[in-house]
All heavy atoms as atom14 arrays in JSON, in Angstrom:
{
  "sequence": "QQGRDYFDDLYQAHRMVGCAFERGGARVIANLAPVKEKEVLIISH",
  "atom14_mask": [
    [1, 1, 1, 1, 1, 1, 1, 1, 1, 0, 0, 0, 0, 0],
    [1, 1, 1, 1, 1, 1, 1, 1, 1, 0, 0, 0, 0, 0],
    [1, 1, 1, 1, 0, 0, 0, 0, 0, 0, 0, 0, 0, 0],
    [1, 1, 1, 1, 1, 1, 1, 1, 1, 1, 1, 0, 0, 0],
    [1, 1, 1, 1, 1, 1, 1, 1, 0, 0, 0, 0, 0, 0],
    [1, 1, 1, 1, 1, 1, 1, 1, 1, 1, 1, 1, 0, 0],
    [1, 1, 1, 1, 1, 1, 1, 1, 1, 1, 1, 0, 0, 0],
    [1, 1, 1, 1, 1, 1, 1, 1, 0, 0, 0, 0, 0, 0],
    [1, 1, 1, 1, 1, 1, 1, 1, 0, 0, 0, 0, 0, 0],
    [1, 1, 1, 1, 1, 1, 1, 1, 0, 0, 0, 0, 0, 0],
    [1, 1, 1, 1, 1, 1, 1, 1, 1, 1, 1, 1, 0, 0],
    [1, 1, 1, 1, 1, 1, 1, 1, 1, 0, 0, 0, 0, 0],
    [1, 1, 1, 1, 1, 0, 0, 0, 0, 0, 0, 0, 0, 0],
    [1, 1, 1, 1, 1, 1, 1, 1, 1, 1, 0, 0, 0, 0],
    [1, 1, 1, 1, 1, 1, 1, 1, 1, 1, 1, 0, 0, 0],
    [1, 1, 1, 1, 1, 1, 1, 1, 0, 0, 0, 0, 0, 0],
    [1, 1, 1, 1, 1, 1, 1, 0, 0, 0, 0, 0, 0, 0],
    [1, 1, 1, 1, 0, 0, 0, 0, 0, 0, 0, 0, 0, 0],
    [1, 1, 1, 1, 1, 1, 0, 0, 0, 0, 0, 0, 0, 0],
    [1, 1, 1, 1, 1, 0, 0, 0, 0, 0, 0, 0, 0, 0],
    [1, 1, 1, 1, 1, 1, 1, 1, 1, 1, 1, 0, 0, 0],
    [1, 1, 1, 1, 1, 1, 1, 1, 1, 0, 0, 0, 0, 0],
    [1, 1, 1, 1, 1, 1, 1, 1, 1, 1, 1, 0, 0, 0],
    [1, 1, 1, 1, 0, 0, 0, 0, 0, 0, 0, 0, 0, 0],
    [1, 1, 1, 1, 0, 0, 0, 0, 0, 0, 0, 0, 0, 0],
    [1, 1, 1, 1, 1, 0, 0, 0, 0, 0, 0, 0, 0, 0],
    [1, 1, 1, 1, 1, 1, 1, 1, 1, 1, 1, 0, 0, 0],
    [1, 1, 1, 1, 1, 1, 1, 0, 0, 0, 0, 0, 0, 0],
    [1, 1, 1, 1, 1, 1, 1, 1, 0, 0, 0, 0, 0, 0],
    [1, 1, 1, 1, 1, 0, 0, 0, 0, 0, 0, 0, 0, 0],
    [1, 1, 1, 1, 1, 1, 1, 1, 0, 0, 0, 0, 0, 0],
    [1, 1, 1, 1, 1, 1, 1, 1, 0, 0, 0, 0, 0, 0],
    [1, 1, 1, 1, 1, 0, 0, 0, 0, 0, 0, 0, 0, 0],
    [1, 1, 1, 1, 1, 1, 1, 0, 0, 0, 0, 0, 0, 0],
    [1, 1, 1, 1, 1, 1, 1, 0, 0, 0, 0, 0, 0, 0],
    [1, 1, 1, 1, 1, 1, 1, 1, 1, 0, 0, 0, 0, 0],
    [1, 1, 1, 1, 1, 1, 1, 1, 1, 0, 0, 0, 0, 0],
    [1, 1, 1, 1, 1, 1, 1, 1, 1, 0, 0, 0, 0, 0],
    [1, 1, 1, 1, 1, 1, 1, 1, 1, 0, 0, 0, 0, 0],
    [1, 1, 1, 1, 1, 1, 1, 0, 0, 0, 0, 0, 0, 0],
    [1, 1, 1, 1, 1, 1, 1, 1, 0, 0, 0, 0, 0, 0],
    [1, 1, 1, 1, 1, 1, 1, 1, 0, 0, 0, 0, 0, 0],
    [1, 1, 1, 1, 1, 1, 1, 1, 0, 0, 0, 0, 0, 0],
    [1, 1, 1, 1, 1, 1, 0, 0, 0, 0, 0, 0, 0, 0],
    [1, 1, 1, 1, 1, 1, 1, 1, 1, 1, 0, 0, 0, 0]
  ],
  "atom14_positions": [
    [[0.82, -1.2, 0.02], [0.02, 0.0, -0.02], [0.79, 1.26, 0.02], [0.53, 2.22, -0.73], [-0.91, 0.05, 1.22], [-1.94, 1.16, 1.24], [-2.82, 1.07, 2.5], [-2.39, 0.87, 3.58], [-4.09, 1.3, 2.21], [0.0, 0.0, 0.0], [0.0, 0.0, 0.0], [0.0, 0.0, 0.0], [0.0, 0.0, 0.0], [0.0, 0.0, 0.0]],
    [[1.89, 1.22, 0.77], [2.71, 2.5, 0.98], [3.95, 2.48, 0.09], [4.64, 3.54, -0.01], [3.07, 2.64, 2.43], [1.92, 2.76, 3.45], [1.02, 3.98, 3.08], [1.52, 5.07, 2.72], [-0.35, 3.78, 3.43], [0.0, 0.0, 0.0], [0.0, 0.0, 0.0], [0.0, 0.0, 0.0], [0.0, 0.0, 0.0], [0.0, 0.0, 0.0]],
    [[4.4, 1.29, -0.32], [5.72, 1.23, -1.07], [6.92, 1.47, -0.17], [7.98, 1.87, -0.62], [0.0, 0.0, 0.0], [0.0, 0.0, 0.0], [0.0, 0.0, 0.0], [0.0, 0.0, 0.0], [0.0, 0.0, 0.0], [0.0, 0.0, 0.0], [0.0, 0.0, 0.0], [0.0, 0.0, 0.0], [0.0, 0.0, 0.0], [0.0, 0.0, 0.0]],
    [[6.71, 1.23, 1.18], [7.83, 1.43, 2.08], [7.91, 0.26, 3.0], [6.96, -0.48, 3.21], [7.57, 2.7, 2.92], [7.57, 4.01, 2.09], [7.18, 5.19, 2.87], [8.16, 5.34, 3.99], [9.35, 5.97, 3.92], [9.65, 6.52, 2.78], [10.11, 6.16, 4.97], [0.0, 0.0, 0.0], [0.0, 0.0, 0.0], [0.0, 0.0, 0.0]],
    [[9.07, 0.04, 3.61], [9.32, -1.03, 4.52], [8.65, -0.72, 5.87], [8.88, 0.31, 6.46], [10.8, -1.23, 4.74], [11.09, -2.5, 5.68], [11.12, -3.57, 5.21], [11.29, -2.21, 6.87], [0.0, 0.0, 0.0], [0.0, 0.0, 0.0], [0.0, 0.0, 0.0], [0.0, 0.0, 0.0], [0.0, 0.0, 0.0], [0.0, 0.0, 0.0]],
    [[7.75, -1.57, 6.26], [7.06, -1.43, 7.5], [7.95, -1.28, 8.74], [7.79, -0.41, 9.54], [6.04, -2.57, 7.77], [5.39, -2.59, 9.11], [4.31, -1.75, 9.36], [5.91, -3.44, 10.13], [3.76, -1.81, 10.7], [5.29, -3.44, 11.39], [4.26, -2.63, 11.63], [3.73, -2.61, 12.96], [0.0, 0.0, 0.0], [0.0, 0.0, 0.0]],
    [[8.92, -2.13, 8.84], [9.73, -2.17, 10.11], [10.69, -1.02, 10.09], [10.89, -0.41, 11.21], [10.51, -3.5, 10.1], [9.66, -4.69, 10.22], [9.37, -5.5, 9.11], [9.13, -5.08, 11.46], [8.59, -6.6, 9.19], [8.19, -6.19, 11.57], [7.98, -6.92, 10.45], [0.0, 0.0, 0.0], [0.0, 0.0, 0.0], [0.0, 0.0, 0.0]],
    [[11.13, -0.55, 8.99], [11.93, 0.8, 8.97], [11.1, 1.89, 9.4], [11.53, 2.81, 10.17], [12.54, 0.91, 7.52], [13.53, 2.13, 7.5], [14.47, 2.09, 8.28], [13.29, 3.1, 6.71], [0.0, 0.0, 0.0], [0.0, 0.0, 0.0], [0.0, 0.0, 0.0], [0.0, 0.0, 0.0], [0.0, 0.0, 0.0], [0.0, 0.0, 0.0]],
    [[9.88, 2.03, 8.83], [9.01, 3.12, 9.18], [8.59, 3.09, 10.66], [8.42, 4.03, 11.3], [7.78, 3.02, 8.37], [7.96, 3.71, 6.96], [9.23, 4.1, 6.7], [7.04, 3.9, 6.2], [0.0, 0.0, 0.0], [0.0, 0.0, 0.0], [0.0, 0.0, 0.0], [0.0, 0.0, 0.0], [0.0, 0.0, 0.0], [0.0, 0.0, 0.0]],
    [[8.36, 1.81, 11.16], [8.08, 1.67, 12.62], [9.19, 2.32, 13.46], [8.97, 3.0, 14.47], [7.88, 0.24, 12.92], [7.59, -0.14, 14.44], [6.23, 0.39, 14.79], [7.73, -1.69, 14.64], [0.0, 0.0, 0.0], [0.0, 0.0, 0.0], [0.0, 0.0, 0.0], [0.0, 0.0, 0.0], [0.0, 0.0, 0.0], [0.0, 0.0, 0.0]],
    [[10.37, 2.0, 13.03], [11.58, 2.5, 13.86], [11.66, 4.02, 13.67], [11.85, 4.75, 14.67], [12.89, 1.83, 13.33], [14.1, 2.49, 13.89], [14.47, 2.33, 15.14], [14.92, 3.34, 13.1], [15.64, 2.96, 15.76], [16.03, 3.97, 13.6], [16.39, 3.8, 14.93], [17.48, 4.41, 15.37], [0.0, 0.0, 0.0], [0.0, 0.0, 0.0]],
    [[11.56, 4.5, 12.48], [11.74, 5.96, 12.25], [10.65, 6.76, 12.92], [10.91, 7.82, 13.52], [11.74, 6.28, 10.71], [12.81, 5.67, 9.99], [14.18, 6.11, 10.3], [14.36, 7.18, 10.97], [15.28, 5.38, 10.03], [0.0, 0.0, 0.0], [0.0, 0.0, 0.0], [0.0, 0.0, 0.0], [0.0, 0.0, 0.0], [0.0, 0.0, 0.0]],
    [[9.4, 6.25, 13.01], [8.32, 6.91, 13.64], [8.64, 7.07, 15.16], [8.4, 8.13, 15.75], [6.95, 6.25, 13.44], [0.0, 0.0, 0.0], [0.0, 0.0, 0.0], [0.0, 0.0, 0.0], [0.0, 0.0, 0.0], [0.0, 0.0, 0.0], [0.0, 0.0, 0.0], [0.0, 0.0, 0.0], [0.0, 0.0, 0.0], [0.0, 0.0, 0.0]],
    [[9.14, 5.97, 15.73], [9.5, 5.98, 17.22], [10.72, 6.95, 17.44], [10.78, 7.62, 18.49], [9.72, 4.62, 17.65], [8.49, 3.83, 18.03], [7.71, 3.21, 16.97], [7.84, 3.52, 19.12], [6.75, 2.69, 17.54], [6.75, 2.79, 18.84], [0.0, 0.0, 0.0], [0.0, 0.0, 0.0], [0.0, 0.0, 0.0], [0.0, 0.0, 0.0]],
    [[11.65, 6.91, 16.44], [12.89, 7.71, 16.7], [12.54, 9.19, 16.63], [13.13, 10.06, 17.33], [13.87, 7.37, 15.54], [15.23, 8.02, 15.65], [16.2, 7.52, 14.64], [17.52, 7.99, 14.77], [17.88, 9.19, 14.13], [16.99, 9.74, 13.41], [19.11, 9.6, 14.34], [0.0, 0.0, 0.0], [0.0, 0.0, 0.0], [0.0, 0.0, 0.0]],
    [[11.63, 9.55, 15.75], [11.18, 10.88, 15.67], [10.66, 11.54, 16.97], [10.83, 12.77, 17.23], [10.16, 11.11, 14.55], [10.75, 11.05, 13.15], [9.4, 11.0, 11.88], [8.88, 12.71, 12.15], [0.0, 0.0, 0.0], [0.0, 0.0, 0.0], [0.0, 0.0, 0.0], [0.0, 0.0, 0.0], [0.0, 0.0, 0.0], [0.0, 0.0, 0.0]],
    [[10.07, 10.72, 17.83], [9.59, 11.24, 19.07], [10.42, 10.89, 20.22], [9.99, 11.1, 21.41], [8.07, 10.72, 19.34], [7.17, 11.28, 18.22], [8.03, 9.27, 19.34], [0.0, 0.0, 0.0], [0.0, 0.0, 0.0], [0.0, 0.0, 0.0], [0.0, 0.0, 0.0], [0.0, 0.0, 0.0], [0.0, 0.0, 0.0], [0.0, 0.0, 0.0]],
    [[11.61, 10.29, 19.97], [12.58, 10.04, 21.07], [12.45, 8.67, 21.76], [12.95, 8.43, 22.84], [0.0, 0.0, 0.0], [0.0, 0.0, 0.0], [0.0, 0.0, 0.0], [0.0, 0.0, 0.0], [0.0, 0.0, 0.0], [0.0, 0.0, 0.0], [0.0, 0.0, 0.0], [0.0, 0.0, 0.0], [0.0, 0.0, 0.0], [0.0, 0.0, 0.0]],
    [[11.68, 7.71, 21.07], [11.49, 6.43, 21.65], [12.22, 5.3, 21.03], [11.92, 4.17, 21.2], [9.91, 6.15, 21.68], [9.02, 6.99, 22.92], [0.0, 0.0, 0.0], [0.0, 0.0, 0.0], [0.0, 0.0, 0.0], [0.0, 0.0, 0.0], [0.0, 0.0, 0.0], [0.0, 0.0, 0.0], [0.0, 0.0, 0.0], [0.0, 0.0, 0.0]],
    [[13.26, 5.66, 20.18], [13.98, 4.57, 19.5], [15.42, 5.01, 19.26], [15.67, 6.26, 19.12], [13.34, 4.16, 18.19], [0.0, 0.0, 0.0], [0.0, 0.0, 0.0], [0.0, 0.0, 0.0], [0.0, 0.0, 0.0], [0.0, 0.0, 0.0], [0.0, 0.0, 0.0], [0.0, 0.0, 0.0], [0.0, 0.0, 0.0], [0.0, 0.0, 0.0]],
    [[16.38, 4.14, 19.22], [17.76, 4.37, 18.96], [18.41, 3.16, 18.49], [17.9, 2.08, 18.59], [18.41, 4.97, 20.21], [18.46, 4.07, 21.37], [19.51, 3.21, 21.58], [17.33, 4.06, 22.32], [19.46, 2.35, 22.72], [17.45, 3.24, 23.38], [18.37, 2.39, 23.57], [0.0, 0.0, 0.0], [0.0, 0.0, 0.0], [0.0, 0.0, 0.0]],
    [[19.61, 3.31, 17.89], [20.41, 2.18, 17.46], [21.52, 1.86, 18.48], [22.11, 2.76, 19.09], [21.0, 2.4, 16.14], [19.95, 2.45, 14.97], [20.53, 2.34, 13.61], [21.56, 1.67, 13.45], [19.96, 2.92, 12.68], [0.0, 0.0, 0.0], [0.0, 0.0, 0.0], [0.0, 0.0, 0.0], [0.0, 0.0, 0.0], [0.0, 0.0, 0.0]],
    [[21.77, 0.59, 18.62], [22.82, 0.13, 19.54], [23.51, -1.12, 18.88], [22.99, -2.14, 18.8], [22.2, -0.17, 20.86], [23.19, -0.83, 21.86], [24.29, 0.19, 22.38], [25.1, -0.25, 23.47], [26.23, -1.06, 23.3], [26.54, -1.36, 22.1], [26.9, -1.43, 24.41], [0.0, 0.0, 0.0], [0.0, 0.0, 0.0], [0.0, 0.0, 0.0]],
    [[24.72, -0.95, 18.43], [25.54, -2.07, 17.99], [24.91, -2.65, 16.76], [25.05, -3.89, 16.57], [0.0, 0.0, 0.0], [0.0, 0.0, 0.0], [0.0, 0.0, 0.0], [0.0, 0.0, 0.0], [0.0, 0.0, 0.0], [0.0, 0.0, 0.0], [0.0, 0.0, 0.0], [0.0, 0.0, 0.0], [0.0, 0.0, 0.0], [0.0, 0.0, 0.0]],
    [[24.2, -1.89, 15.89], [23.56, -2.45, 14.68], [22.2, -2.92, 14.95], [21.43, -3.2, 13.95], [0.0, 0.0, 0.0], [0.0, 0.0, 0.0], [0.0, 0.0, 0.0], [0.0, 0.0, 0.0], [0.0, 0.0, 0.0], [0.0, 0.0, 0.0], [0.0, 0.0, 0.0], [0.0, 0.0, 0.0], [0.0, 0.0, 0.0], [0.0, 0.0, 0.0]],
    [[21.72, -2.99, 16.14], [20.36, -3.4, 16.48], [19.56, -2.1, 16.75], [20.02, -1.09, 17.21], [20.26, -4.33, 17.68], [0.0, 0.0, 0.0], [0.0, 0.0, 0.0], [0.0, 0.0, 0.0], [0.0, 0.0, 0.0], [0.0, 0.0, 0.0], [0.0, 0.0, 0.0], [0.0, 0.0, 0.0], [0.0, 0.0, 0.0], [0.0, 0.0, 0.0]],
    [[18.3, -2.11, 16.42], [17.34, -1.08, 16.69], [16.52, -1.32, 17.9], [15.88, -2.43, 17.96], [16.46, -0.75, 15.47], [17.25, -0.23, 14.35], [16.42, -0.03, 13.05], [17.01, 0.76, 12.13], [16.44, 1.26, 10.92], [15.28, 0.78, 10.56], [17.14, 2.04, 10.07], [0.0, 0.0, 0.0], [0.0, 0.0, 0.0], [0.0, 0.0, 0.0]],
    [[16.48, -0.39, 18.84], [15.77, -0.57, 20.09], [14.61, 0.41, 20.17], [14.74, 1.6, 19.9], [16.72, -0.36, 21.33], [16.0, -0.55, 22.65], [17.94, -1.31, 21.23], [0.0, 0.0, 0.0], [0.0, 0.0, 0.0], [0.0, 0.0, 0.0], [0.0, 0.0, 0.0], [0.0, 0.0, 0.0], [0.0, 0.0, 0.0], [0.0, 0.0, 0.0]],
    [[13.45, -0.09, 20.47], [12.19, 0.76, 20.38], [11.46, 0.62, 21.68], [11.13, -0.57, 22.09], [11.3, 0.32, 19.24], [12.03, 0.54, 17.9], [9.99, 1.11, 19.29], [11.24, -0.13, 16.66], [0.0, 0.0, 0.0], [0.0, 0.0, 0.0], [0.0, 0.0, 0.0], [0.0, 0.0, 0.0], [0.0, 0.0, 0.0], [0.0, 0.0, 0.0]],
    [[11.11, 1.69, 22.39], [10.25, 1.66, 23.5], [8.84, 1.81, 22.8], [8.51, 2.88, 22.49], [10.44, 2.78, 24.47], [0.0, 0.0, 0.0], [0.0, 0.0, 0.0], [0.0, 0.0, 0.0], [0.0, 0.0, 0.0], [0.0, 0.0, 0.0], [0.0, 0.0, 0.0], [0.0, 0.0, 0.0], [0.0, 0.0, 0.0], [0.0, 0.0, 0.0]],
    [[8.07, 0.79, 22.89], [6.78, 0.71, 21.96], [5.79, 1.78, 22.43], [5.4, 1.84, 23.63], [6.2, -0.64, 22.03], [5.26, -0.9, 20.93], [4.97, -0.06, 20.2], [4.79, -2.13, 20.89], [0.0, 0.0, 0.0], [0.0, 0.0, 0.0], [0.0, 0.0, 0.0], [0.0, 0.0, 0.0], [0.0, 0.0, 0.0], [0.0, 0.0, 0.0]],
    [[5.39, 2.57, 21.51], [4.31, 3.59, 21.7], [2.95, 2.96, 21.86], [2.02, 3.58, 22.37], [4.33, 4.69, 20.66], [5.48, 5.62, 20.74], [5.53, 6.51, 19.48], [5.44, 6.53, 21.96], [0.0, 0.0, 0.0], [0.0, 0.0, 0.0], [0.0, 0.0, 0.0], [0.0, 0.0, 0.0], [0.0, 0.0, 0.0], [0.0, 0.0, 0.0]],
    [[2.78, 1.77, 21.36], [1.55, 1.04, 21.48], [1.78, -0.38, 22.14], [1.57, -1.35, 21.53], [0.88, 0.82, 20.1], [0.0, 0.0, 0.0], [0.0, 0.0, 0.0], [0.0, 0.0, 0.0], [0.0, 0.0, 0.0], [0.0, 0.0, 0.0], [0.0, 0.0, 0.0], [0.0, 0.0, 0.0], [0.0, 0.0, 0.0], [0.0, 0.0, 0.0]],
    [[2.27, -0.31, 23.37], [2.61, -1.54, 23.99], [1.58, -2.53, 24.36], [0.39, -2.07, 24.64], [3.41, -1.11, 25.31], [2.63, 0.18, 25.66], [2.38, 0.79, 24.26], [0.0, 0.0, 0.0], [0.0, 0.0, 0.0], [0.0, 0.0, 0.0], [0.0, 0.0, 0.0], [0.0, 0.0, 0.0], [0.0, 0.0, 0.0], [0.0, 0.0, 0.0]],
    [[1.87, -3.73, 24.27], [0.84, -4.76, 24.63], [0.54, -4.76, 26.15], [-0.47, -5.07, 26.59], [1.23, -6.24, 24.15], [2.49, -6.69, 24.88], [0.12, -7.22, 24.33], [0.0, 0.0, 0.0], [0.0, 0.0, 0.0], [0.0, 0.0, 0.0], [0.0, 0.0, 0.0], [0.0, 0.0, 0.0], [0.0, 0.0, 0.0], [0.0, 0.0, 0.0]],
    [[1.67, -4.39, 26.88], [1.57, -4.21, 28.26], [2.73, -3.35, 28.81], [3.42, -2.71, 28.0], [1.49, -5.63, 29.11], [0.77, -5.56, 30.35], [-0.68, -5.23, 30.24], [-1.44, -5.07, 31.6], [-1.84, -3.72, 31.96], [0.0, 0.0, 0.0], [0.0, 0.0, 0.0], [0.0, 0.0, 0.0], [0.0, 0.0, 0.0], [0.0, 0.0, 0.0]],
    [[2.93, -3.26, 30.12], [3.86, -2.31, 30.66], [5.28, -2.5, 30.04], [5.78, -3.54, 30.01], [3.97, -2.37, 32.17], [2.58, -2.34, 32.92], [1.88, -0.96, 32.7], [2.54, 0.04, 32.45], [0.65, -1.0, 32.73], [0.0, 0.0, 0.0], [0.0, 0.0, 0.0], [0.0, 0.0, 0.0], [0.0, 0.0, 0.0], [0.0, 0.0, 0.0]],
    [[5.89, -1.32, 29.77], [7.32, -1.1, 29.46], [7.73, -2.08, 28.29], [8.81, -2.57, 28.21], [8.2, -1.49, 30.65], [7.91, -0.64, 31.81], [8.79, -0.99, 32.94], [8.45, -0.31, 34.25], [7.17, -0.79, 34.89], [0.0, 0.0, 0.0], [0.0, 0.0, 0.0], [0.0, 0.0, 0.0], [0.0, 0.0, 0.0], [0.0, 0.0, 0.0]],
    [[6.86, -2.33, 27.25], [7.26, -3.19, 26.13], [8.37, -2.55, 25.29], [8.19, -1.37, 24.89], [5.99, -3.5, 25.21], [6.5, -4.5, 24.13], [5.29, -4.83, 23.21], [4.45, -4.07, 22.94], [5.32, -6.0, 22.79], [0.0, 0.0, 0.0], [0.0, 0.0, 0.0], [0.0, 0.0, 0.0], [0.0, 0.0, 0.0], [0.0, 0.0, 0.0]],
    [[9.34, -3.34, 25.0], [10.49, -2.9, 24.27], [10.62, -3.88, 23.03], [10.56, -5.11, 23.26], [11.85, -2.89, 25.05], [13.06, -2.48, 24.22], [11.63, -1.92, 26.24], [0.0, 0.0, 0.0], [0.0, 0.0, 0.0], [0.0, 0.0, 0.0], [0.0, 0.0, 0.0], [0.0, 0.0, 0.0], [0.0, 0.0, 0.0], [0.0, 0.0, 0.0]],
    [[10.93, -3.34, 21.85], [11.16, -4.12, 20.62], [12.63, -3.95, 20.27], [13.22, -2.9, 20.45], [10.31, -3.56, 19.51], [8.86, -3.4, 19.69], [8.16, -2.88, 18.46], [8.12, -4.6, 20.27], [0.0, 0.0, 0.0], [0.0, 0.0, 0.0], [0.0, 0.0, 0.0], [0.0, 0.0, 0.0], [0.0, 0.0, 0.0], [0.0, 0.0, 0.0]],
    [[13.19, -5.01, 19.8], [14.66, -5.02, 19.37], [14.61, -5.66, 17.98], [14.15, -6.77, 17.8], [15.58, -5.8, 20.3], [15.49, -5.34, 21.77], [17.07, -5.71, 19.82], [16.08, -6.24, 22.73], [0.0, 0.0, 0.0], [0.0, 0.0, 0.0], [0.0, 0.0, 0.0], [0.0, 0.0, 0.0], [0.0, 0.0, 0.0], [0.0, 0.0, 0.0]],
    [[15.15, -4.88, 16.98], [15.05, -5.33, 15.59], [16.44, -5.41, 15.01], [17.21, -4.5, 15.1], [14.18, -4.43, 14.74], [12.7, -4.41, 15.29], [14.2, -4.75, 13.33], [11.79, -3.37, 14.68], [0.0, 0.0, 0.0], [0.0, 0.0, 0.0], [0.0, 0.0, 0.0], [0.0, 0.0, 0.0], [0.0, 0.0, 0.0], [0.0, 0.0, 0.0]],
    [[16.73, -6.53, 14.29], [17.95, -6.63, 13.61], [17.72, -7.55, 12.32], [16.74, -8.2, 12.27], [19.0, -7.3, 14.55], [20.26, -7.55, 13.85], [0.0, 0.0, 0.0], [0.0, 0.0, 0.0], [0.0, 0.0, 0.0], [0.0, 0.0, 0.0], [0.0, 0.0, 0.0], [0.0, 0.0, 0.0], [0.0, 0.0, 0.0], [0.0, 0.0, 0.0]],
    [[18.68, -7.52, 11.5], [18.48, -8.33, 10.25], [19.08, -9.75, 10.4], [18.97, -10.58, 9.48], [19.16, -7.62, 8.99], [18.4, -6.39, 8.64], [17.15, -6.42, 8.2], [18.8, -5.11, 8.7], [16.7, -5.18, 7.87], [17.7, -4.38, 8.22], [0.0, 0.0, 0.0], [0.0, 0.0, 0.0], [0.0, 0.0, 0.0], [0.0, 0.0, 0.0]]
  ]
}
């Protein structure tokens, strides 16, 4: 639908508001829509 990578946009949207950063090649996200308390996502290839 968007012609863009979902996981990249997920990271960039969180990064824009200060809830994501990169660490050693992995992307760390404090989820803005958490399933429960303090949910964190870690994404790598």
